Each structure stands twice: as C-alpha cells, then as structure tokens.
C-alpha cells in the first residue's frame, strides 16, 4: 500500500468477515463482504466524514490493518 491516506479495516458482523477500504485523498468508502462482493460505495466524502466513518467502524470492533502487513496476515 503506497498511499498513506488509505486505511483498511476488518471486522466480524453476523458471523461474516467484512472489509472496509477508506481513502481520505479521494473521499471514498468501499465495503466488501467475505467473498469480496461490493456491498456499499460512497464517494465525495471530505476528510472529516472519513474520520467519522472510521470512528463508527471502530465501535463495531474493527481492526485496522497495518500498511506494512502481508496480505491476509490478520487471518
């Protein structure tokens, strides 16, 4: 991951693994299910809104992936 303003969050919801990718530079949010099917996509967000979304996701017990972690190391 080369962009510092891209954060990947994962959490379990209803027994399924959910992944969210937030990009503060582009102002986008993408949420995927465990099969990498796109569930939700939001564009046109400002940095404050992206930070608010990250705080909401954190309340669900999400874990932020390190930008230096190997892919799928969290499993």
Protein backbone atom coordinates (compact mmCIF):
# COMPACT_ATOMS: atom_id res chain seq x y z
CA UNK A 1 0.00 0.00 0.00
CA UNK A 2 1.73 3.17 -1.15
CA UNK A 3 -0.93 5.74 -0.31
CA UNK A 4 -0.73 6.83 3.33
CA UNK A 5 -4.32 8.02 3.39
CA UNK A 6 -5.81 4.61 2.55
CA UNK A 7 -6.93 2.58 5.55
CA UNK A 8 -8.25 -0.97 5.51
CA UNK A 9 -10.49 -2.13 8.35
CA UNK A 10 -11.86 -5.62 9.02
CA UNK A 11 -14.47 -6.89 11.46
CA UNK A 12 -16.96 -9.69 12.01
CA UNK A 13 -20.63 -8.92 11.56
CA UNK A 14 -23.30 -11.60 11.88
CA UNK A 15 -20.57 -14.24 11.68
CA UNK A 16 -19.18 -12.90 8.40
CA UNK A 17 -15.93 -11.10 7.73
CA UNK A 18 -16.45 -7.54 6.46
CA UNK A 19 -13.73 -5.35 4.94
CA UNK A 20 -13.84 -1.56 4.54
CA UNK A 21 -11.38 0.49 2.50
CA UNK A 22 -11.35 4.22 3.19
CA UNK A 23 -9.36 6.67 1.08
CA UNK A 24 -9.16 10.17 2.57
CA UNK A 25 -7.49 11.65 -0.52
CA UNK A 26 -10.23 10.51 -2.90
CA UNK A 27 -13.00 10.77 -0.30
CA UNK A 28 -14.22 7.23 -0.91
CA UNK A 29 -15.52 4.37 1.20
CA UNK A 30 -15.91 0.82 -0.11
CA UNK A 31 -17.28 -2.05 1.99
CA UNK A 32 -16.91 -5.67 0.88
CA UNK A 33 -18.24 -8.95 2.23
CA UNK A 34 -16.13 -12.05 2.87
CA UNK A 35 -16.33 -13.04 -0.81
CA UNK A 36 -15.08 -9.59 -1.93
CA UNK A 37 -18.50 -8.60 -3.25
CA UNK A 38 -19.03 -4.85 -3.07
CA UNK A 39 -21.74 -4.04 -0.53
CA UNK A 40 -21.50 -0.25 -0.31
CA UNK A 41 -19.61 2.50 -2.10
CA UNK A 42 -19.66 6.17 -1.11
CA UNK A 43 -17.83 8.95 -2.93
CA UNK A 44 -17.46 12.68 -2.40
CA UNK A 45 -16.66 12.45 1.31
CA UNK A 46 -14.49 15.06 2.99
CA UNK A 47 -11.70 14.18 5.44
CA UNK A 48 -13.90 14.86 8.46
CA UNK A 49 -16.57 12.47 7.19
CA UNK A 50 -13.95 9.77 6.52
CA UNK A 51 -12.68 10.16 10.09
CA UNK A 52 -16.24 9.92 11.45
CA UNK A 53 -16.82 6.72 9.48
CA UNK A 54 -13.60 5.25 10.86
CA UNK A 55 -14.81 6.04 14.39
CA UNK A 56 -18.14 4.31 13.70
CA UNK A 57 -16.36 1.28 12.25
CA UNK A 58 -14.10 1.17 15.31
CA UNK A 59 -17.21 0.92 17.52
CA UNK A 60 -18.09 -2.35 15.73
CA UNK A 61 -14.79 -3.79 16.97
CA UNK A 62 -12.94 -3.41 13.70
CA UNK A 63 -9.22 -3.91 13.42
CA UNK A 64 -7.13 -1.57 11.30
CA UNK A 65 -4.65 -3.38 9.11
CA UNK A 66 -1.08 -2.16 9.16
CA UNK A 67 0.17 -0.72 5.89
CA UNK A 68 3.26 -2.94 6.23
CA UNK A 69 1.40 -6.20 6.96
CA UNK A 70 1.42 -9.04 4.49
CA UNK A 71 -1.91 -9.62 2.74
CA UNK A 72 -4.29 -11.75 4.79
CA UNK A 73 -1.87 -11.85 7.73
CA UNK A 74 -4.79 -10.99 10.07
CA UNK A 75 -6.39 -14.39 9.42
